[in-house]
C-alpha atoms as a PDB file:
ATOM      1  CA  MET A   1      82.026 133.972 174.731  1.00  0.00           C
ATOM      2  CA  LYS A   2      82.477 136.850 177.098  1.00  0.00           C
ATOM      3  CA  ALA A   3      79.763 139.383 177.631  1.00  0.00           C
ATOM      4  CA  GLU A   4      80.893 142.823 178.668  1.00  0.00           C
ATOM      5  CA  LEU A   5      81.175 143.242 182.430  1.00  0.00           C
ATOM      6  CA  GLU A   6      78.713 145.889 183.542  1.00  0.00           C
ATOM      7  CA  LYS A   7      79.629 147.995 186.567  1.00  0.00           C
ATOM      8  CA  ILE A   8      76.286 148.665 188.193  1.00  0.00           C
ATOM      9  CA  VAL A   9      77.485 151.358 190.581  1.00  0.00           C
ATOM     10  CA  PRO A  10      81.062 152.692 190.375  1.00  0.00           C
ATOM     11  CA  GLY A  11      83.305 152.765 193.411  1.00  0.00           C
ATOM     12  CA  ASN A  12      84.195 150.435 196.257  1.00  0.00           C
ATOM     13  CA  ASP A  13      81.404 151.663 198.522  1.00  0.00           C
ATOM     14  CA  LYS A  14      78.551 150.831 196.176  1.00  0.00           C
ATOM     15  CA  PRO A  15      75.277 149.783 197.826  1.00  0.00           C
ATOM     16  CA  VAL A  16      74.210 146.134 197.925  1.00  0.00           C
ATOM     17  CA  LEU A  17      70.832 147.075 196.431  1.00  0.00           C
ATOM     18  CA  VAL A  18      69.815 149.481 193.663  1.00  0.00           C
ATOM     19  CA  THR A  19      66.374 149.946 192.108  1.00  0.00           C
ATOM     20  CA  TYR A  20      65.603 152.283 189.245  1.00  0.00           C
ATOM     21  CA  HIS A  21      63.000 153.116 186.638  1.00  0.00           C
ATOM     22  CA  MET A  22      64.295 153.798 183.129  1.00  0.00           C
ATOM     23  CA  SER A  23      62.698 155.294 180.045  1.00  0.00           C
ATOM     24  CA  LEU A  24      64.504 154.991 176.698  1.00  0.00           C
ATOM     25  CA  PRO A  25      63.486 155.460 173.038  1.00  0.00           C
ATOM     26  CA  TYR A  26      64.577 151.867 172.316  1.00  0.00           C
ATOM     27  CA  LEU A  27      66.624 149.035 173.815  1.00  0.00           C
ATOM     28  CA  GLU A  28      69.922 148.518 172.032  1.00  0.00           C
ATOM     29  CA  PHE A  29      71.734 145.192 171.848  1.00  0.00           C
ATOM     30  CA  TYR A  30      74.113 145.214 174.828  1.00  0.00           C
ATOM     31  CA  TRP A  31      75.361 141.748 175.758  1.00  0.00           C
ATOM     32  CA  HIS A  32      76.652 142.057 179.317  1.00  0.00           C
ATOM     33  CA  HIS A  33      76.923 140.443 182.726  1.00  0.00           C
ATOM     34  CA  HIS A  34      77.506 141.548 186.311  1.00  0.00           C
ATOM     35  CA  PRO A  35      78.044 139.854 189.703  1.00  0.00           C
ATOM     36  CA  GLU A  36      74.715 141.115 191.070  1.00  0.00           C
ATOM     37  CA  TYR A  37      71.359 139.379 190.800  1.00  0.00           C
ATOM     38  CA  GLU A  38      68.925 141.270 188.571  1.00  0.00           C
ATOM     39  CA  LEU A  39      65.135 141.355 188.482  1.00  0.00           C
ATOM     40  CA  THR A  40      63.830 143.177 185.406  1.00  0.00           C
ATOM     41  CA  TYR A  41      60.239 144.176 184.681  1.00  0.00           C
ATOM     42  CA  LYS A  42      59.321 145.566 181.246  1.00  0.00           C
ATOM     43  CA  ILE A  43      56.366 147.950 181.596  1.00  0.00           C
ATOM     44  CA  ASN A  44      55.376 148.716 178.004  1.00  0.00           C
ATOM     45  CA  VAL A  45      58.105 147.130 175.896  1.00  0.00           C
ATOM     46  CA  GLU A  46      58.228 144.226 173.454  1.00  0.00           C
ATOM     47  CA  GLY A  47      61.095 142.809 171.450  1.00  0.00           C
ATOM     48  CA  LYS A  48      63.716 140.072 171.741  1.00  0.00           C
ATOM     49  CA  ARG A  49      65.275 138.776 174.946  1.00  0.00           C
ATOM     50  CA  ILE A  50      68.541 136.815 175.105  1.00  0.00           C
ATOM     51  CA  VAL A  51      69.547 135.227 178.418  1.00  0.00           C
ATOM     52  CA  GLY A  52      72.475 132.843 178.155  1.00  0.00           C
ATOM     53  CA  ASP A  53      71.580 130.663 175.162  1.00  0.00           C
ATOM     54  CA  SER A  54      67.843 131.410 175.430  1.00  0.00           C
ATOM     55  CA  TYR A  55      66.507 133.574 172.581  1.00  0.00           C
ATOM     56  CA  GLU A  56      62.823 134.527 172.836  1.00  0.00           C
ATOM     57  CA  GLU A  57      60.350 137.253 172.019  1.00  0.00           C
ATOM     58  CA  PHE A  58      59.039 139.190 175.014  1.00  0.00           C
ATOM     59  CA  GLU A  59      56.015 141.410 175.604  1.00  0.00           C
ATOM     60  CA  ALA A  60      54.981 144.109 178.060  1.00  0.00           C
ATOM     61  CA  GLY A  61      54.948 142.678 181.570  1.00  0.00           C
ATOM     62  CA  ASP A  62      58.066 140.570 180.983  1.00  0.00           C
ATOM     63  CA  LEU A  63      59.469 139.648 184.406  1.00  0.00           C
ATOM     64  CA  VAL A  64      62.824 137.876 184.614  1.00  0.00           C
ATOM     65  CA  LEU A  65      65.206 137.102 187.485  1.00  0.00           C
ATOM     66  CA  ILE A  66      68.835 136.631 186.442  1.00  0.00           C
ATOM     67  CA  GLY A  67      71.621 135.085 188.492  1.00  0.00           C
ATOM     68  CA  PRO A  68      75.151 136.492 188.926  1.00  0.00           C
ATOM     69  CA  ASP A  69      77.339 136.754 185.819  1.00  0.00           C
ATOM     70  CA  LEU A  70      74.722 135.333 183.450  1.00  0.00           C
ATOM     71  CA  PRO A  71      75.020 137.214 180.113  1.00  0.00           C
ATOM     72  CA  HIS A  72      71.812 138.863 178.945  1.00  0.00           C
ATOM     73  CA  THR A  73      70.267 141.597 176.803  1.00  0.00           C
ATOM     74  CA  TRP A  74      66.872 142.898 175.705  1.00  0.00           C
ATOM     75  CA  VAL A  75      66.475 144.413 172.219  1.00  0.00           C
ATOM     76  CA  THR A  76      63.746 146.422 170.501  1.00  0.00           C
ATOM     77  CA  ASP A  77      63.487 147.486 166.873  1.00  0.00           C
ATOM     78  CA  LYS A  78      64.891 151.004 166.572  1.00  0.00           C
ATOM     79  CA  LYS A  79      62.702 151.668 163.558  1.00  0.00           C
ATOM     80  CA  GLU A  80      59.437 150.925 165.332  1.00  0.00           C
ATOM     81  CA  ARG A  81      57.680 153.911 166.806  1.00  0.00           C
ATOM     82  CA  HIS A  82      57.776 154.130 170.610  1.00  0.00           C
ATOM     83  CA  ASP A  83      56.831 157.024 172.858  1.00  0.00           C
ATOM     84  CA  SER A  84      59.238 155.386 175.291  1.00  0.00           C
ATOM     85  CA  CYS A  85      60.449 152.014 176.493  1.00  0.00           C
ATOM     86  CA  ASP A  86      59.796 151.937 180.239  1.00  0.00           C
ATOM     87  CA  PHE A  87      61.134 149.316 182.622  1.00  0.00           C
ATOM     88  CA  VAL A  88      62.181 148.764 186.226  1.00  0.00           C
ATOM     89  CA  VAL A  89      65.467 147.121 187.208  1.00  0.00           C
ATOM     90  CA  ILE A  90      66.285 145.766 190.661  1.00  0.00           C
ATOM     91  CA  GLN A  91      69.899 144.707 191.193  1.00  0.00           C
ATOM     92  CA  PHE A  92      71.222 143.307 194.443  1.00  0.00           C
ATOM     93  CA  SER A  93      74.322 141.610 195.759  1.00  0.00           C
ATOM     94  CA  GLY A  94      74.210 138.178 197.353  1.00  0.00           C
ATOM     95  CA  TRP A  95      75.800 139.883 200.353  1.00  0.00           C
ATOM     96  CA  LEU A  96      72.379 141.318 201.142  1.00  0.00           C
ATOM     97  CA  PHE A  97      71.264 137.906 202.374  1.00  0.00           C
ATOM     98  CA  ASN A  98      74.445 136.587 204.001  1.00  0.00           C
ATOM     99  CA  SER A  99      73.100 136.884 207.534  1.00  0.00           C
ATOM    100  CA  MET A 100      69.761 135.279 206.606  1.00  0.00           C
ATOM    101  CA  ILE A 101      70.796 132.471 204.279  1.00  0.00           C
ATOM    102  CA  GLY A 102      70.741 129.812 207.029  1.00  0.00           C
ATOM    103  CA  LEU A 103      67.380 130.759 208.521  1.00  0.00           C
ATOM    104  CA  PRO A 104      64.540 128.279 207.911  1.00  0.00           C
ATOM    105  CA  GLU A 105      62.198 131.220 207.169  1.00  0.00           C
ATOM    106  CA  PHE A 106      64.488 132.134 204.294  1.00  0.00           C
ATOM    107  CA  GLU A 107      64.553 128.677 202.690  1.00  0.00           C
ATOM    108  CA  ASN A 108      62.166 129.548 199.837  1.00  0.00           C
ATOM    109  CA  VAL A 109      64.134 132.662 198.854  1.00  0.00           C
ATOM    110  CA  LYS A 110      67.399 130.721 199.094  1.00  0.00           C
ATOM    111  CA  ARG A 111      65.989 128.129 196.670  1.00  0.00           C
ATOM    112  CA  LEU A 112      64.787 130.898 194.328  1.00  0.00           C
ATOM    113  CA  LEU A 113      68.258 132.450 194.193  1.00  0.00           C
ATOM    114  CA  GLN A 114      69.785 129.055 193.449  1.00  0.00           C
ATOM    115  CA  ASN A 115      67.265 128.323 190.690  1.00  0.00           C
ATOM    116  CA  CYS A 116      67.769 131.667 188.926  1.00  0.00           C
ATOM    117  CA  ARG A 117      71.405 130.867 188.113  1.00  0.00           C
ATOM    118  CA  LEU A 118      70.347 130.299 184.481  1.00  0.00           C
ATOM    119  CA  GLY A 119      67.520 132.845 184.523  1.00  0.00           C
ATOM    120  CA  LEU A 120      63.862 132.498 185.524  1.00  0.00           C
ATOM    121  CA  HIS A 121      60.886 133.867 183.607  1.00  0.00           C
ATOM    122  CA  PHE A 122      57.626 134.474 185.488  1.00  0.00           C
ATOM    123  CA  LYS A 123      54.638 134.177 183.188  1.00  0.00           C
ATOM    124  CA  ASN A 124      52.100 136.019 185.345  1.00  0.00           C
ATOM    125  CA  SER A 125      53.669 139.283 186.481  1.00  0.00           C
ATOM    126  CA  ALA A 126      50.389 141.154 187.059  1.00  0.00           C
ATOM    127  CA  PRO A 127      50.191 140.441 190.829  1.00  0.00           C
ATOM    128  CA  PHE A 128      53.623 142.031 191.323  1.00  0.00           C
ATOM    129  CA  LYS A 129      53.302 145.074 189.059  1.00  0.00           C
ATOM    130  CA  GLU A 130      52.372 147.728 191.624  1.00  0.00           C
ATOM    131  CA  GLN A 131      54.880 146.390 194.127  1.00  0.00           C
ATOM    132  CA  ILE A 132      57.685 146.546 191.562  1.00  0.00           C
ATOM    133  CA  LEU A 133      56.739 150.009 190.328  1.00  0.00           C
ATOM    134  CA  ALA A 134      56.806 151.333 193.897  1.00  0.00           C
ATOM    135  CA  LEU A 135      60.298 150.063 194.737  1.00  0.00           C
ATOM    136  CA  PRO A 136      62.378 152.785 192.990  1.00  0.00           C
ATOM    137  CA  ASN A 137      60.671 155.393 195.206  1.00  0.00           C
ATOM    138  CA  LYS A 138      61.474 153.594 198.459  1.00  0.00           C
ATOM    139  CA  THR A 139      64.618 154.240 200.482  1.00  0.00           C
ATOM    140  CA  GLY A 140      66.605 152.624 203.251  1.00  0.00           C
ATOM    141  CA  ILE A 141      65.054 149.763 205.179  1.00  0.00           C
ATOM    142  CA  GLU A 142      61.752 150.066 203.305  1.00  0.00           C
ATOM    143  CA  LYS A 143      63.534 149.331 200.017  1.00  0.00           C
ATOM    144  CA  ILE A 144      65.377 146.309 201.426  1.00  0.00           C
ATOM    145  CA  THR A 145      62.305 144.816 203.082  1.00  0.00           C
ATOM    146  CA  GLY A 146      60.298 145.522 199.921  1.00  0.00           C
ATOM    147  CA  VAL A 147      62.730 143.513 197.803  1.00  0.00           C
ATOM    148  CA  ILE A 148      62.870 140.669 200.323  1.00  0.00           C
ATOM    149  CA  ASN A 149      59.070 140.537 200.420  1.00  0.00           C
ATOM    150  CA  LEU A 150      58.916 140.533 196.605  1.00  0.00           C
ATOM    151  CA  LEU A 151      61.450 137.706 196.346  1.00  0.00           C
ATOM    152  CA  ASN A 152      59.542 135.724 198.945  1.00  0.00           C
ATOM    153  CA  GLN A 153      56.354 136.051 196.876  1.00  0.00           C
ATOM    154  CA  LEU A 154      58.176 135.105 193.668  1.00  0.00           C
ATOM    155  CA  SER A 155      59.627 132.030 195.394  1.00  0.00           C
ATOM    156  CA  LYS A 156      56.064 130.675 195.599  1.00  0.00           C
ATOM    157  CA  GLN A 157      55.573 131.044 191.829  1.00  0.00           C
ATOM    158  CA  LYS A 158      56.713 128.552 189.205  1.00  0.00           C
ATOM    159  CA  GLY A 159      59.418 130.325 187.230  1.00  0.00           C
ATOM    160  CA  ARG A 160      60.491 128.868 183.873  1.00  0.00           C
ATOM    161  CA  LYS A 161      64.223 128.389 183.434  1.00  0.00           C
ATOM    162  CA  LEU A 162      65.663 130.209 180.429  1.00  0.00           C
ATOM    163  CA  ALA A 163      69.247 129.159 179.643  1.00  0.00           C
ATOM    164  CA  SER A 164      69.827 125.470 179.030  1.00  0.00           C
ATOM    165  CA  ALA A 165      71.174 123.280 181.827  1.00  0.00           C
ATOM    166  CA  ASP A 166      74.520 122.769 180.077  1.00  0.00           C
ATOM    167  CA  TYR A 167      75.089 126.488 179.391  1.00  0.00           C
ATOM    168  CA  ASP A 168      78.630 127.298 180.556  1.00  0.00           C
ATOM    169  CA  ILE A 169      78.621 130.684 182.292  1.00  0.00           C
ATOM    170  CA  SER A 170      82.364 130.555 182.988  1.00  0.00           C
ATOM    171  CA  GLN A 171      83.112 130.009 179.290  1.00  0.00           C
ATOM    172  CA  ALA A 172      80.756 132.843 178.376  1.00  0.00           C
ATOM    173  CA  LYS A 173      82.727 135.153 180.662  1.00  0.00           C
ATOM    174  CA  SER A 174      86.245 134.046 179.755  1.00  0.00           C
ATOM    175  CA  SER A 175      86.250 134.259 175.958  1.00  0.00           C
ATOM    176  CA  GLU A 176      86.391 137.423 173.870  1.00  0.00           C
ATOM    177  CA  PRO A 177      83.402 139.843 173.870  1.00  0.00           C
ATOM    178  CA  ARG A 178      82.753 139.247 170.169  1.00  0.00           C
ATOM    179  CA  ILE A 179      78.994 138.874 170.094  1.00  0.00           C
ATOM    180  CA  ASN A 180      78.380 142.609 170.573  1.00  0.00           C
ATOM    181  CA  LYS A 181      80.603 143.369 167.604  1.00  0.00           C
ATOM    182  CA  VAL A 182      78.749 140.915 165.355  1.00  0.00           C
ATOM    183  CA  CYS A 183      75.241 141.967 166.386  1.00  0.00           C
ATOM    184  CA  THR A 184      76.044 145.664 166.048  1.00  0.00           C
ATOM    185  CA  TYR A 185      77.303 144.997 162.533  1.00  0.00           C
ATOM    186  CA  VAL A 186      74.132 143.077 161.641  1.00  0.00           C
ATOM    187  CA  GLU A 187      71.841 145.792 163.043  1.00  0.00           C
ATOM    188  CA  GLN A 188      73.630 148.375 160.913  1.00  0.00           C
ATOM    189  CA  ASN A 189      73.718 146.287 157.716  1.00  0.00           C
ATOM    190  CA  PHE A 190      70.738 143.900 157.716  1.00  0.00           C
ATOM    191  CA  SER A 191      69.244 145.595 154.635  1.00  0.00           C
ATOM    192  CA  LYS A 192      72.285 144.481 152.626  1.00  0.00           C
ATOM    193  CA  PRO A 193      73.399 140.954 151.734  1.00  0.00           C
ATOM    194  CA  ILE A 194      75.172 139.469 154.774  1.00  0.00           C
ATOM    195  CA  SER A 195      76.881 136.100 154.530  1.00  0.00           C
ATOM    196  CA  ILE A 196      78.176 133.938 157.333  1.00  0.00           C
ATOM    197  CA  SER A 197      81.657 134.493 155.910  1.00  0.00           C
ATOM    198  CA  ASP A 198      81.182 138.272 156.219  1.00  0.00           C
ATOM    199  CA  ALA A 199      80.135 137.961 159.861  1.00  0.00           C
ATOM    200  CA  ALA A 200      82.877 135.465 160.681  1.00  0.00           C
ATOM    201  CA  SER A 201      85.531 137.757 159.217  1.00  0.00           C
ATOM    202  CA  ILE A 202      84.532 140.526 161.647  1.00  0.00           C
ATOM    203  CA  ILE A 203      85.812 138.476 164.566  1.00  0.00           C
ATOM    204  CA  ASN A 204      88.491 136.596 162.609  1.00  0.00           C
ATOM    205  CA  ILE A 205      87.217 133.024 162.868  1.00  0.00           C
ATOM    206  CA  SER A 206      86.218 130.457 160.256  1.00  0.00           C
ATOM    207  CA  PRO A 207      82.583 130.257 159.058  1.00  0.00           C
ATOM    208  CA  SER A 208      82.112 126.815 160.632  1.00  0.00           C
ATOM    209  CA  ALA A 209      83.490 128.008 163.985  1.00  0.00           C
ATOM    210  CA  PHE A 210      81.351 131.126 163.729  1.00  0.00           C
ATOM    211  CA  CYS A 211      78.120 129.132 163.314  1.00  0.00           C
ATOM    212  CA  LYS A 212      78.848 127.157 166.483  1.00  0.00           C
ATOM    213  CA  PHE A 213      79.934 130.294 168.356  1.00  0.00           C
ATOM    214  CA  PHE A 214      76.810 132.269 167.437  1.00  0.00           C
ATOM    215  CA  LYS A 215      74.363 129.455 168.249  1.00  0.00           C
ATOM    216  CA  ARG A 216      76.086 128.768 171.555  1.00  0.00           C
ATOM    217  CA  ALA A 217      76.071 132.461 172.473  1.00  0.00           C
ATOM    218  CA  THR A 218      72.511 133.366 171.504  1.00  0.00           C
ATOM    219  CA  GLY A 219      70.574 130.108 171.203  1.00  0.00           C
ATOM    220  CA  LYS A 220      69.743 131.147 167.633  1.00  0.00           C
ATOM    221  CA  THR A 221      71.270 130.373 164.256  1.00  0.00           C
ATOM    222  CA  PHE A 222      72.849 133.346 162.541  1.00  0.00           C
ATOM    223  CA  SER A 223      70.422 133.252 159.601  1.00  0.00           C
ATOM    224  CA  ASP A 224      67.445 133.180 161.983  1.00  0.00           C
ATOM    225  CA  TYR A 225      68.806 136.173 163.871  1.00  0.00           C
ATOM    226  CA  VAL A 226      69.278 138.173 160.670  1.00  0.00           C
ATOM    227  CA  ASN A 227      65.818 137.233 159.417  1.00  0.00           C
ATOM    228  CA  ASP A 228      64.251 138.331 162.707  1.00  0.00           C
ATOM    229  CA  LEU A 229      65.786 141.794 162.329  1.00  0.00           C
ATOM    230  CA  ARG A 230      64.668 141.997 158.711  1.00  0.00           C
ATOM    231  CA  LEU A 231      61.133 140.913 159.586  1.00  0.00           C
ATOM    232  CA  GLY A 232      60.924 143.513 162.341  1.00  0.00           C
ATOM    233  CA  TYR A 233      61.784 146.221 159.836  1.00  0.00           C
ATOM    234  CA  ALA A 234      59.386 144.775 157.246  1.00  0.00           C
ATOM    235  CA  CYS A 235      56.495 144.691 159.740  1.00  0.00           C
ATOM    236  CA  TYR A 236      57.072 148.331 160.570  1.00  0.00           C
ATOM    237  CA  GLN A 237      57.037 149.225 156.871  1.00  0.00           C
ATOM    238  CA  LEU A 238      53.860 147.218 156.286  1.00  0.00           C
ATOM    239  CA  LEU A 239      52.068 149.039 159.081  1.00  0.00           C
ATOM    240  CA  GLU A 240      53.432 152.552 158.670  1.00  0.00           C
ATOM    241  CA  THR A 241      53.771 152.967 154.885  1.00  0.00           C
ATOM    242  CA  ASP A 242      51.822 152.139 151.719  1.00  0.00           C
ATOM    243  CA  LYS A 243      54.884 150.815 149.882  1.00  0.00           C
ATOM    244  CA  GLN A 244      54.480 147.741 147.721  1.00  0.00           C
ATOM    245  CA  ILE A 245      55.258 144.499 149.530  1.00  0.00           C
ATOM    246  CA  SER A 246      57.937 143.575 146.988  1.00  0.00           C
ATOM    247  CA  SER A 247      59.657 146.919 147.624  1.00  0.00           C
ATOM    248  CA  ILE A 248      59.514 146.379 151.385  1.00  0.00           C
ATOM    249  CA  ALA A 249      61.005 142.906 151.013  1.00  0.00           C
ATOM    250  CA  ARG A 250      63.951 144.279 149.030  1.00  0.00           C
ATOM    251  CA  SER A 251      64.559 147.191 151.409  1.00  0.00           C
ATOM    252  CA  ALA A 252      64.556 144.776 154.355  1.00  0.00           C
ATOM    253  CA  GLY A 253      67.326 142.742 152.746  1.00  0.00           C
ATOM    254  CA  PHE A 254      65.428 139.691 151.480  1.00  0.00           C
ATOM    255  CA  GLU A 255      66.824 138.251 148.263  1.00  0.00           C
ATOM    256  CA  SER A 256      63.406 137.615 146.702  1.00  0.00           C
ATOM    257  CA  ILE A 257      59.715 138.201 147.364  1.00  0.00           C
ATOM    258  CA  THR A 258      59.202 134.422 147.384  1.00  0.00           C
ATOM    259  CA  TYR A 259      61.744 133.928 150.167  1.00  0.00           C
ATOM    260  CA  PHE A 260      60.327 136.899 152.083  1.00  0.00           C
ATOM    261  CA  ASN A 261      56.816 135.444 151.959  1.00  0.00           C
ATOM    262  CA  ARG A 262      58.048 132.029 153.058  1.00  0.00           C
ATOM    263  CA  VAL A 263      59.970 133.405 156.053  1.00  0.00           C
ATOM    264  CA  PHE A 264      57.125 135.763 157.001  1.00  0.00           C
ATOM    265  CA  VAL A 265      54.508 132.985 157.060  1.00  0.00           C
ATOM    266  CA  LYS A 266      56.837 130.642 158.959  1.00  0.00           C
ATOM    267  CA  LYS A 267      57.535 133.151 161.712  1.00  0.00           C
ATOM    268  CA  LYS A 268      54.310 135.198 161.822  1.00  0.00           C
ATOM    269  CA  HIS A 269      51.825 132.487 160.738  1.00  0.00           C
ATOM    270  CA  ILE A 270      50.186 134.952 158.370  1.00  0.00           C
ATOM    271  CA  THR A 271      51.011 136.381 154.935  1.00  0.00           C
ATOM    272  CA  PRO A 272      52.454 139.921 154.674  1.00  0.00           C
ATOM    273  CA  ARG A 273      49.336 141.113 152.855  1.00  0.00           C
ATOM    274  CA  ALA A 274      46.979 139.664 155.460  1.00  0.00           C
ATOM    275  CA  PHE A 275      49.166 141.143 158.226  1.00  0.00           C
ATOM    276  CA  ARG A 276      48.798 144.613 156.673  1.00  0.00           C
ATOM    277  CA  ASN A 277      45.065 144.206 156.033  1.00  0.00           C
ATOM    278  CA  GLU A 278      44.368 143.076 159.593  1.00  0.00           C
ATOM    279  CA  ALA A 279      46.086 146.190 160.919  1.00  0.00           C
ATOM    280  CA  LEU A 280      44.072 148.413 158.556  1.00  0.00           C
ATOM    281  CA  TYR A 281      40.782 146.840 159.610  1.00  0.00           C
ATOM    282  CA  ALA A 282      41.710 147.185 163.280  1.00  0.00           C
ATOM    283  CA  THR A 283      42.208 150.945 162.942  1.00  0.00           C
ATOM    284  CA  ALA A 284      39.242 151.556 160.618  1.00  0.00           C
END
């Protein structure tokens, strides 16, 4: 599967390091890769994160270092209310360290950059928050030394690898960029019945090939992915409206209230009614 190649900075004279703070109403599914390393810190955002074949929920404070050309995306529910989704992105070329890669003082950072080939998640991002937030405002040498210092500190932390060891980055890059097409279709139609055959027909492959393709690309079965989107919408409706639970289940695309309850309890470890009541008590 090929993720879309993202051009970080257009032109042949692009810098080897860019840092920026972004604020968006939501994060849209955008499966992409680029030759730069990327360190991403989510300030006040929660949703789903896909890195290679790793599919996980993430919360505010999510800190991930991604190696070159590793496909990735972060997604939030468009229907949930957000003042803004704020995050900091640091992208840098391996060229930045060419002259230092052989130095013994640089050994820890060198190992970190090797280990992030399949993505690294750092559980405790709090010690690095202020340092990361300050980087977009730095310029010149201060920005470069700031990033090097940050990477050196991260190299002393135990990062958790995200994509599986046998994930084939070259295959992910060389095949057609079909996953974006499928996921966009699902996001636009999850409230309707969606079969595997429907999704497979979008990218012109057989249902059996589609199941393998989707699991390999996202680390998630297609039905699980669809149910996650439907549950996100249902949770929003439970919290923000007084609609009947059966009506919410239907509007979210679940075929029956029984199936909705079963999926909700399996994934949220609480019934829909208890989920709504807990939220009401918390705001009372």
